[in-house]
Amino acid sequence: MKFFQREEQKNAGVVGPFLHGAQWSLDWPGDKEYDYRSWFLETLRNSSQERIVPHIQSLDFYAHEYFDGDMPAVEEMLKAGRMELANLTAIGSEDDQFAAAIRRRLLESGHPFRDGRLGGLT
């Protein structure tokens, strides 16, 4: 994981394809001894925004699934300037209160919330 982290920090967009199949949203346990939360946050803090590549799921995609319901992690995303990731986390959440809290934080920070379900700004 450290190797992938270094590579992502050098060239954003490398890690997503290697995480394919992780199934964070389906409670995939991974290695129970590994601190994935810290790994994700450190990687996101120290890498640039990924390029959009068709048919490839990005690190942001896996992070939004992993951090669903984790408001302190969303605060870390915002501190790191990862507004789009925070937005994606809100859109993907099935927890309406969690999603509403992220929307409020995005609006407070001056970043409009884009609701993928509604296709517009709120």
C-alpha atoms as a PDB file:
ATOM      1  CA  MET A   1       0.000   0.000   0.000  1.00  0.00           C
ATOM      2  CA  LYS A   2       2.919   2.346   0.664  1.00  0.00           C
ATOM      3  CA  PHE A   3       4.201   1.715  -2.872  1.00  0.00           C
ATOM      4  CA  PHE A   4       0.797   2.611  -4.351  1.00  0.00           C
ATOM      5  CA  GLN A   5       0.607   5.673  -2.124  1.00  0.00           C
ATOM      6  CA  ARG A   6       3.976   6.963  -3.370  1.00  0.00           C
ATOM      7  CA  GLU A   7       2.988   6.315  -6.976  1.00  0.00           C
ATOM      8  CA  GLU A   8      -0.344   8.119  -6.554  1.00  0.00           C
ATOM      9  CA  GLN A   9       1.419  11.098  -5.025  1.00  0.00           C
ATOM     10  CA  LYS A  10       3.807  11.237  -7.990  1.00  0.00           C
ATOM     11  CA  ASN A  11       1.161  10.668 -10.675  1.00  0.00           C
ATOM     12  CA  ALA A  12      -2.445  11.031  -9.536  1.00  0.00           C
ATOM     13  CA  GLY A  13      -4.715   8.426 -11.079  1.00  0.00           C
ATOM     14  CA  VAL A  14      -2.491   5.392 -10.714  1.00  0.00           C
ATOM     15  CA  VAL A  15      -4.082   3.724  -7.685  1.00  0.00           C
ATOM     16  CA  GLY A  16      -7.757   3.497  -8.624  1.00  0.00           C
ATOM     17  CA  PRO A  17      -7.399   0.582 -11.047  1.00  0.00           C
ATOM     18  CA  PHE A  18      -5.410  -1.398  -8.465  1.00  0.00           C
ATOM     19  CA  LEU A  19      -8.237  -1.042  -5.940  1.00  0.00           C
ATOM     20  CA  HIS A  20     -10.709  -2.565  -8.394  1.00  0.00           C
ATOM     21  CA  GLY A  21     -12.862  -5.110  -6.615  1.00  0.00           C
ATOM     22  CA  ALA A  22     -12.272  -3.732  -3.120  1.00  0.00           C
ATOM     23  CA  GLN A  23     -16.057  -3.313  -2.648  1.00  0.00           C
ATOM     24  CA  TRP A  24     -15.806  -0.787   0.205  1.00  0.00           C
ATOM     25  CA  SER A  25     -19.552  -0.156   0.031  1.00  0.00           C
ATOM     26  CA  LEU A  26     -20.211  -3.869   0.565  1.00  0.00           C
ATOM     27  CA  ASP A  27     -18.180  -4.015   3.779  1.00  0.00           C
ATOM     28  CA  TRP A  28     -15.157  -5.629   2.148  1.00  0.00           C
ATOM     29  CA  PRO A  29     -12.879  -6.165   5.131  1.00  0.00           C
ATOM     30  CA  GLY A  30      -9.505  -6.040   3.394  1.00  0.00           C
ATOM     31  CA  ASP A  31      -6.601  -6.729   5.711  1.00  0.00           C
ATOM     32  CA  LYS A  32      -8.077  -6.198   9.174  1.00  0.00           C
ATOM     33  CA  GLU A  33      -4.628  -5.294  10.532  1.00  0.00           C
ATOM     34  CA  TYR A  34      -4.067  -2.454   8.033  1.00  0.00           C
ATOM     35  CA  ASP A  35      -5.148   1.147   8.716  1.00  0.00           C
ATOM     36  CA  TYR A  36      -6.900   1.932   5.412  1.00  0.00           C
ATOM     37  CA  ARG A  37      -8.478   5.095   6.827  1.00  0.00           C
ATOM     38  CA  SER A  38      -5.088   6.713   7.486  1.00  0.00           C
ATOM     39  CA  TRP A  39      -3.765   5.449   4.165  1.00  0.00           C
ATOM     40  CA  PHE A  40      -6.644   7.008   2.233  1.00  0.00           C
ATOM     41  CA  LEU A  41      -6.453  10.339   4.066  1.00  0.00           C
ATOM     42  CA  GLU A  42      -2.675  10.659   3.736  1.00  0.00           C
ATOM     43  CA  THR A  43      -2.794   9.725   0.066  1.00  0.00           C
ATOM     44  CA  LEU A  44      -5.595  12.207  -0.634  1.00  0.00           C
ATOM     45  CA  ARG A  45      -3.819  14.981   1.279  1.00  0.00           C
ATOM     46  CA  ASN A  46      -0.579  14.517  -0.635  1.00  0.00           C
ATOM     47  CA  SER A  47      -1.719  13.878  -4.191  1.00  0.00           C
ATOM     48  CA  SER A  48      -3.265  16.085  -6.822  1.00  0.00           C
ATOM     49  CA  GLN A  49      -6.696  15.712  -8.378  1.00  0.00           C
ATOM     50  CA  GLU A  50      -6.869  12.760 -10.731  1.00  0.00           C
ATOM     51  CA  ARG A  51      -7.575  13.048 -14.410  1.00  0.00           C
ATOM     52  CA  ILE A  52     -10.884  11.637 -15.561  1.00  0.00           C
ATOM     53  CA  VAL A  53     -10.280   8.425 -17.477  1.00  0.00           C
ATOM     54  CA  PRO A  54     -13.324   6.709 -19.023  1.00  0.00           C
ATOM     55  CA  HIS A  55     -14.202   3.293 -17.589  1.00  0.00           C
ATOM     56  CA  ILE A  56     -11.634   3.527 -14.771  1.00  0.00           C
ATOM     57  CA  GLN A  57     -12.705   4.008 -11.171  1.00  0.00           C
ATOM     58  CA  SER A  58     -10.504   6.492  -9.379  1.00  0.00           C
ATOM     59  CA  LEU A  59      -9.097   6.654  -5.884  1.00  0.00           C
ATOM     60  CA  ASP A  60     -11.799   9.259  -5.188  1.00  0.00           C
ATOM     61  CA  PHE A  61     -14.472   6.731  -6.150  1.00  0.00           C
ATOM     62  CA  TYR A  62     -13.184   4.203  -3.628  1.00  0.00           C
ATOM     63  CA  ALA A  63     -12.633   6.901  -1.002  1.00  0.00           C
ATOM     64  CA  HIS A  64     -16.210   8.163  -1.245  1.00  0.00           C
ATOM     65  CA  GLU A  65     -17.476   4.640  -0.567  1.00  0.00           C
ATOM     66  CA  TYR A  66     -15.029   4.022   2.246  1.00  0.00           C
ATOM     67  CA  PHE A  67     -15.792   7.315   4.027  1.00  0.00           C
ATOM     68  CA  ASP A  68     -19.577   7.192   3.819  1.00  0.00           C
ATOM     69  CA  GLY A  69     -20.775   8.239   7.273  1.00  0.00           C
ATOM     70  CA  ASP A  70     -17.336   9.494   8.436  1.00  0.00           C
ATOM     71  CA  MET A  71     -17.741  13.261   8.906  1.00  0.00           C
ATOM     72  CA  PRO A  72     -14.239  13.768  10.379  1.00  0.00           C
ATOM     73  CA  ALA A  73     -12.835  12.252   7.169  1.00  0.00           C
ATOM     74  CA  VAL A  74     -14.963  14.633   5.097  1.00  0.00           C
ATOM     75  CA  GLU A  75     -13.547  17.515   7.152  1.00  0.00           C
ATOM     76  CA  GLU A  76     -10.058  16.227   6.252  1.00  0.00           C
ATOM     77  CA  MET A  77     -11.073  16.165   2.570  1.00  0.00           C
ATOM     78  CA  LEU A  78     -12.183  19.783   2.815  1.00  0.00           C
ATOM     79  CA  LYS A  79      -8.947  20.835   4.552  1.00  0.00           C
ATOM     80  CA  ALA A  80      -7.023  19.135   1.752  1.00  0.00           C
ATOM     81  CA  GLY A  81      -9.040  21.042  -0.860  1.00  0.00           C
ATOM     82  CA  ARG A  82     -10.815  17.906  -2.085  1.00  0.00           C
ATOM     83  CA  MET A  83     -14.215  19.593  -2.488  1.00  0.00           C
ATOM     84  CA  GLU A  84     -15.288  17.348  -5.365  1.00  0.00           C
ATOM     85  CA  LEU A  85     -14.558  14.265  -3.280  1.00  0.00           C
ATOM     86  CA  ALA A  86     -16.625  15.645  -0.408  1.00  0.00           C
ATOM     87  CA  ASN A  87     -19.388  16.331  -2.928  1.00  0.00           C
ATOM     88  CA  LEU A  88     -19.146  12.782  -4.297  1.00  0.00           C
ATOM     89  CA  THR A  89     -19.286  11.402  -0.748  1.00  0.00           C
ATOM     90  CA  ALA A  90     -22.505  13.314  -0.067  1.00  0.00           C
ATOM     91  CA  ILE A  91     -24.098  12.268  -3.351  1.00  0.00           C
ATOM     92  CA  GLY A  92     -23.213   8.620  -2.779  1.00  0.00           C
ATOM     93  CA  SER A  93     -24.417   8.448   0.795  1.00  0.00           C
ATOM     94  CA  GLU A  94     -27.687   6.742   1.609  1.00  0.00           C
ATOM     95  CA  ASP A  95     -27.650   8.477   5.008  1.00  0.00           C
ATOM     96  CA  ASP A  96     -29.658  11.658   4.407  1.00  0.00           C
ATOM     97  CA  GLN A  97     -28.425  13.360   7.589  1.00  0.00           C
ATOM     98  CA  PHE A  98     -24.793  12.691   6.700  1.00  0.00           C
ATOM     99  CA  ALA A  99     -25.322  13.931   3.126  1.00  0.00           C
ATOM    100  CA  ALA A 100     -27.090  17.068   4.412  1.00  0.00           C
ATOM    101  CA  ALA A 101     -24.188  17.806   6.781  1.00  0.00           C
ATOM    102  CA  ILE A 102     -21.712  17.589   3.894  1.00  0.00           C
ATOM    103  CA  ARG A 103     -23.920  19.826   1.735  1.00  0.00           C
ATOM    104  CA  ARG A 104     -23.973  22.435   4.508  1.00  0.00           C
ATOM    105  CA  ARG A 105     -20.170  22.290   4.900  1.00  0.00           C
ATOM    106  CA  LEU A 106     -19.638  22.630   1.147  1.00  0.00           C
ATOM    107  CA  LEU A 107     -21.958  25.619   0.971  1.00  0.00           C
ATOM    108  CA  GLU A 108     -20.279  27.197   4.019  1.00  0.00           C
ATOM    109  CA  SER A 109     -16.927  26.823   2.293  1.00  0.00           C
ATOM    110  CA  GLY A 110     -18.229  28.543  -0.834  1.00  0.00           C
ATOM    111  CA  HIS A 111     -18.365  25.406  -2.937  1.00  0.00           C
ATOM    112  CA  PRO A 112     -21.775  24.701  -4.479  1.00  0.00           C
ATOM    113  CA  PHE A 113     -23.117  21.255  -3.794  1.00  0.00           C
ATOM    114  CA  ARG A 114     -23.839  19.401  -7.020  1.00  0.00           C
ATOM    115  CA  ASP A 115     -26.474  16.787  -6.457  1.00  0.00           C
ATOM    116  CA  GLY A 116     -26.009  14.003  -8.961  1.00  0.00           C
ATOM    117  CA  ARG A 117     -29.461  12.674  -8.207  1.00  0.00           C
ATOM    118  CA  LEU A 118     -31.071  16.001  -9.086  1.00  0.00           C
ATOM    119  CA  GLY A 119     -28.539  17.037 -11.695  1.00  0.00           C
ATOM    120  CA  GLY A 120     -28.278  20.565 -10.373  1.00  0.00           C
ATOM    121  CA  LEU A 121     -26.968  22.830  -7.683  1.00  0.00           C
ATOM    122  CA  THR A 122     -28.554  23.291  -4.286  1.00  0.00           C
END
